Amino acid sequence: MRLVAISLRVDDERERRDALDQEWYRVLGAAGLMPLLIPNHTELCTQMVDYLRSLSVCGALLTGGNDLLGTPGAKNVATEREQVETSLIEACISLELPILGVCRGFQKLALHHGARLSSAPGHVGKTHPLVVVADSDMPLEGGRAAVNSFHDFGLASADLGSNMIAVALSPDGFVEAAVHRDLPHWGIMWHPERSPNDPGDLEIIRSLLA
């Protein structure tokens, strides 16, 4: 199995803890990958390139959870995670490694490339169709009858910036999947770990990371 660097949510109940949905192990294992957990410790930031290189990771996965710093109405921001994920993105660019951003991870990746977030009402605890609007290397196979949705903030097509291309939208026009114009950076707004047996999600992960 190949190692993929994976970012972690920060939980703050009496003590600050890094956390990861256990279903990610099942999803990544099915895709032939093993997660390398990246702790949210800022001392790692200056060593990130050497850390990833020495362990021969094949890419990075930015997971969901926590609100992003600077987002209007953000409640559970983790500044240490912000710094670590920024270093992880920059290290992957330096090492020419692919990145998959999932939900909040997609938002983080898009912001890094010049996008802007906005409120996405009605996108928490829902399912909706996926409408493919552009061809790309991401295997979406004409769309999906339903993907899950668990986010308060989203990306309008007009706010995605010039570096990324929207390849799929929700029925109300928010970006659900995007690819970078030049880098192997993909983002999806739904959660593969919440539907761990979906063959379409496994194909996306395999295509980019495995």
Protein backbone atom coordinates (compact mmCIF):
# COMPACT_ATOMS: atom_id res chain seq x y z
CA MET A 1 0.00 0.00 0.00
CA ARG A 2 1.06 3.58 -0.68
CA LEU A 3 1.09 6.21 2.07
CA VAL A 4 -1.14 9.27 1.73
CA ALA A 5 -0.75 12.21 4.12
CA ILE A 6 -4.09 13.01 5.73
CA SER A 7 -5.07 16.11 7.71
CA LEU A 8 -7.01 15.87 10.96
CA ARG A 9 -9.93 17.69 12.55
CA VAL A 10 -9.30 19.47 15.87
CA ASP A 11 -11.71 18.72 18.71
CA ASP A 12 -11.65 20.89 21.82
CA GLU A 13 -13.35 19.24 24.79
CA ARG A 14 -11.24 19.85 27.93
CA GLU A 15 -8.16 19.19 25.78
CA ARG A 16 -7.34 19.77 22.13
CA ARG A 17 -7.34 16.53 20.19
CA ASP A 18 -6.67 15.61 16.59
CA ALA A 19 -9.42 13.39 15.21
CA LEU A 20 -10.31 11.39 12.11
CA ASP A 21 -13.46 9.50 11.17
CA GLN A 22 -12.56 5.80 11.38
CA GLU A 23 -14.34 5.15 8.09
CA TRP A 24 -11.45 6.85 6.30
CA TYR A 25 -9.34 3.77 7.02
CA ARG A 26 -11.87 1.60 5.21
CA VAL A 27 -12.18 3.98 2.25
CA LEU A 28 -8.45 4.45 1.79
CA GLY A 29 -7.72 0.76 2.31
CA ALA A 30 -10.21 -0.12 -0.41
CA ALA A 31 -8.36 2.30 -2.69
CA GLY A 32 -5.00 0.66 -1.92
CA LEU A 33 -3.81 3.47 0.34
CA MET A 34 -2.67 3.78 3.94
CA PRO A 35 -3.17 7.05 5.85
CA LEU A 36 -0.22 8.91 7.31
CA LEU A 37 -1.81 11.07 10.01
CA ILE A 38 -0.46 14.63 10.03
CA PRO A 39 -0.65 16.06 13.57
CA ASN A 40 -1.79 19.64 14.00
CA HIS A 41 1.48 20.71 15.58
CA THR A 42 2.93 23.89 14.12
CA GLU A 43 6.53 22.82 14.71
CA LEU A 44 6.00 20.36 11.87
CA CYS A 45 5.38 23.20 9.41
CA THR A 46 9.05 24.02 8.81
CA GLN A 47 9.84 20.32 8.31
CA MET A 48 6.90 19.36 6.11
CA VAL A 49 8.79 18.91 2.83
CA ASP A 50 11.44 16.68 4.40
CA TYR A 51 8.76 14.81 6.36
CA LEU A 52 6.75 13.92 3.27
CA ARG A 53 9.82 13.17 1.18
CA SER A 54 11.40 10.88 3.77
CA LEU A 55 8.23 8.82 4.08
CA SER A 56 7.65 8.65 0.31
CA VAL A 57 4.02 9.72 0.46
CA CYS A 58 2.05 9.62 -2.80
CA GLY A 59 -0.06 12.71 -2.09
CA ALA A 60 -2.29 14.37 0.48
CA LEU A 61 -5.92 14.27 1.54
CA LEU A 62 -7.42 17.31 3.27
CA THR A 63 -10.40 16.19 5.34
CA GLY A 64 -13.52 17.89 6.68
CA GLY A 65 -14.40 19.35 10.08
CA ASN A 66 -13.72 22.75 11.69
CA ASP A 67 -14.59 26.10 10.15
CA LEU A 68 -12.01 28.04 8.19
CA LEU A 69 -10.29 31.04 9.69
CA GLY A 70 -11.81 34.31 8.49
CA THR A 71 -15.11 32.80 7.34
CA PRO A 72 -18.07 34.96 8.46
CA GLY A 73 -19.91 33.11 11.22
CA ALA A 74 -17.09 30.60 11.79
CA LYS A 75 -17.43 28.89 15.19
CA ASN A 76 -14.90 26.07 15.64
CA VAL A 77 -11.75 27.47 14.06
CA ALA A 78 -8.43 25.72 14.71
CA THR A 79 -5.54 28.07 13.94
CA GLU A 80 -2.93 25.33 14.32
CA ARG A 81 -4.73 23.24 11.70
CA GLU A 82 -4.80 26.22 9.35
CA GLN A 83 -1.03 26.56 9.57
CA VAL A 84 -0.31 22.85 9.22
CA GLU A 85 -2.61 22.42 6.22
CA THR A 86 -1.12 25.48 4.52
CA SER A 87 2.33 23.95 4.97
CA LEU A 88 1.04 20.61 3.70
CA ILE A 89 -0.38 22.22 0.54
CA GLU A 90 2.84 24.15 -0.10
CA ALA A 91 4.96 21.06 0.50
CA CYS A 92 2.90 19.06 -1.99
CA ILE A 93 3.32 21.82 -4.57
CA SER A 94 7.09 21.79 -3.97
CA LEU A 95 7.24 18.00 -4.29
CA GLU A 96 4.74 17.90 -7.19
CA LEU A 97 2.35 15.66 -5.26
CA PRO A 98 -1.42 15.45 -5.82
CA ILE A 99 -3.96 16.73 -3.29
CA LEU A 100 -7.60 15.77 -2.79
CA GLY A 101 -9.66 18.19 -0.70
CA VAL A 102 -12.90 16.92 0.85
CA CYS A 103 -15.59 19.36 2.02
CA ARG A 104 -13.73 21.73 4.35
CA GLY A 105 -10.51 20.39 2.81
CA PHE A 106 -11.78 21.43 -0.63
CA GLN A 107 -12.63 24.86 0.76
CA LYS A 108 -9.12 25.20 2.23
CA LEU A 109 -7.53 24.16 -1.06
CA ALA A 110 -9.73 26.50 -3.09
CA LEU A 111 -9.00 29.46 -0.79
CA HIS A 112 -5.29 28.74 -1.11
CA HIS A 113 -5.72 29.08 -4.88
CA GLY A 114 -7.67 32.34 -4.72
CA ALA A 115 -11.31 31.38 -4.17
CA ARG A 116 -13.81 32.98 -1.77
CA LEU A 117 -16.39 31.25 0.46
CA SER A 118 -20.01 32.18 0.99
CA SER A 119 -22.92 30.87 3.03
CA ALA A 120 -24.58 27.75 1.57
CA PRO A 121 -28.03 27.47 3.18
CA GLY A 122 -29.74 24.10 3.01
CA HIS A 123 -26.56 22.07 2.57
CA VAL A 124 -26.38 20.38 5.98
CA GLY A 125 -27.67 16.83 6.41
CA LYS A 126 -29.00 16.63 2.85
CA THR A 127 -28.48 14.63 -0.31
CA HIS A 128 -28.78 16.05 -3.80
CA PRO A 129 -27.88 15.21 -7.41
CA LEU A 130 -24.50 16.07 -8.87
CA VAL A 131 -24.58 17.99 -12.15
CA VAL A 132 -21.42 17.68 -14.24
CA VAL A 133 -20.72 20.93 -16.13
CA ALA A 134 -17.20 20.44 -17.55
CA ASP A 135 -14.93 17.65 -18.75
CA SER A 136 -11.90 16.86 -16.60
CA ASP A 137 -9.65 14.02 -15.50
CA MET A 138 -11.87 13.51 -12.45
CA PRO A 139 -13.98 10.40 -13.15
CA LEU A 140 -17.52 11.58 -12.50
CA GLU A 141 -19.20 9.42 -15.13
CA GLY A 142 -21.90 11.89 -16.04
CA GLY A 143 -22.84 12.85 -12.49
CA ARG A 144 -24.49 11.12 -9.53
CA ALA A 145 -28.09 10.60 -8.58
CA ALA A 146 -27.19 11.68 -5.03
CA VAL A 147 -24.21 12.85 -2.99
CA ASN A 148 -24.23 13.72 0.70
CA SER A 149 -23.97 17.30 1.92
CA PHE A 150 -22.74 18.50 5.33
CA HIS A 151 -21.46 22.07 5.00
CA ASP A 152 -22.59 25.54 6.03
CA PHE A 153 -20.27 27.30 3.58
CA GLY A 154 -19.71 26.75 -0.10
CA LEU A 155 -18.17 28.05 -3.29
CA ALA A 156 -20.19 29.89 -5.90
CA SER A 157 -18.89 29.38 -9.43
CA ALA A 158 -18.12 33.10 -9.75
CA ASP A 159 -16.03 32.96 -6.55
CA LEU A 160 -13.88 29.96 -7.45
CA GLY A 161 -11.10 32.15 -8.84
CA SER A 162 -9.08 31.79 -12.01
CA ASN A 163 -6.90 28.86 -10.91
CA MET A 164 -9.59 26.22 -10.51
CA ILE A 165 -12.28 24.92 -12.84
CA ALA A 166 -15.73 23.89 -11.62
CA VAL A 167 -16.54 20.44 -13.00
CA ALA A 168 -19.74 19.66 -11.05
CA LEU A 169 -22.44 21.73 -9.33
CA SER A 170 -25.29 21.18 -6.92
CA PRO A 171 -28.78 21.88 -8.30
CA ASP A 172 -28.72 25.33 -6.64
CA GLY A 173 -25.46 26.26 -8.34
CA PHE A 174 -22.75 25.73 -5.72
CA VAL A 175 -19.49 24.10 -6.79
CA GLU A 176 -19.43 20.44 -5.78
CA ALA A 177 -16.24 19.38 -7.57
CA ALA A 178 -13.34 21.26 -9.10
CA VAL A 179 -9.85 20.71 -10.49
CA HIS A 180 -6.86 23.02 -10.65
CA ARG A 181 -5.91 24.25 -14.12
CA ASP A 182 -2.25 23.24 -13.82
CA LEU A 183 -1.68 21.26 -10.61
CA PRO A 184 -2.98 17.79 -9.62
CA HIS A 185 -5.30 19.34 -7.05
CA TRP A 186 -8.91 18.17 -6.92
CA GLY A 187 -11.74 19.05 -4.58
CA ILE A 188 -15.12 17.51 -3.78
CA MET A 189 -17.72 18.86 -1.35
CA TRP A 190 -19.28 15.54 -0.35
CA HIS A 191 -17.84 13.02 2.14
CA PRO A 192 -16.64 9.63 0.82
CA GLU A 193 -16.19 8.41 4.41
CA ARG A 194 -19.94 8.82 4.98
CA SER A 195 -20.73 6.51 2.06
CA PRO A 196 -17.64 4.26 2.29
CA ASN A 197 -18.72 1.68 -0.26
CA ASP A 198 -19.44 4.10 -3.11
CA PRO A 199 -17.47 2.85 -6.14
CA GLY A 200 -17.51 6.30 -7.73
CA ASP A 201 -15.74 7.84 -4.75
CA LEU A 202 -13.14 5.06 -4.73
CA GLU A 203 -12.48 5.67 -8.42
CA ILE A 204 -11.87 9.38 -7.76
CA ILE A 205 -9.43 8.59 -4.95
CA ARG A 206 -7.63 5.91 -6.96
CA SER A 207 -7.39 8.09 -10.06
CA LEU A 208 -5.66 10.91 -8.22
CA LEU A 209 -3.76 9.31 -5.36
CA ALA A 210 -3.24 5.61 -6.04
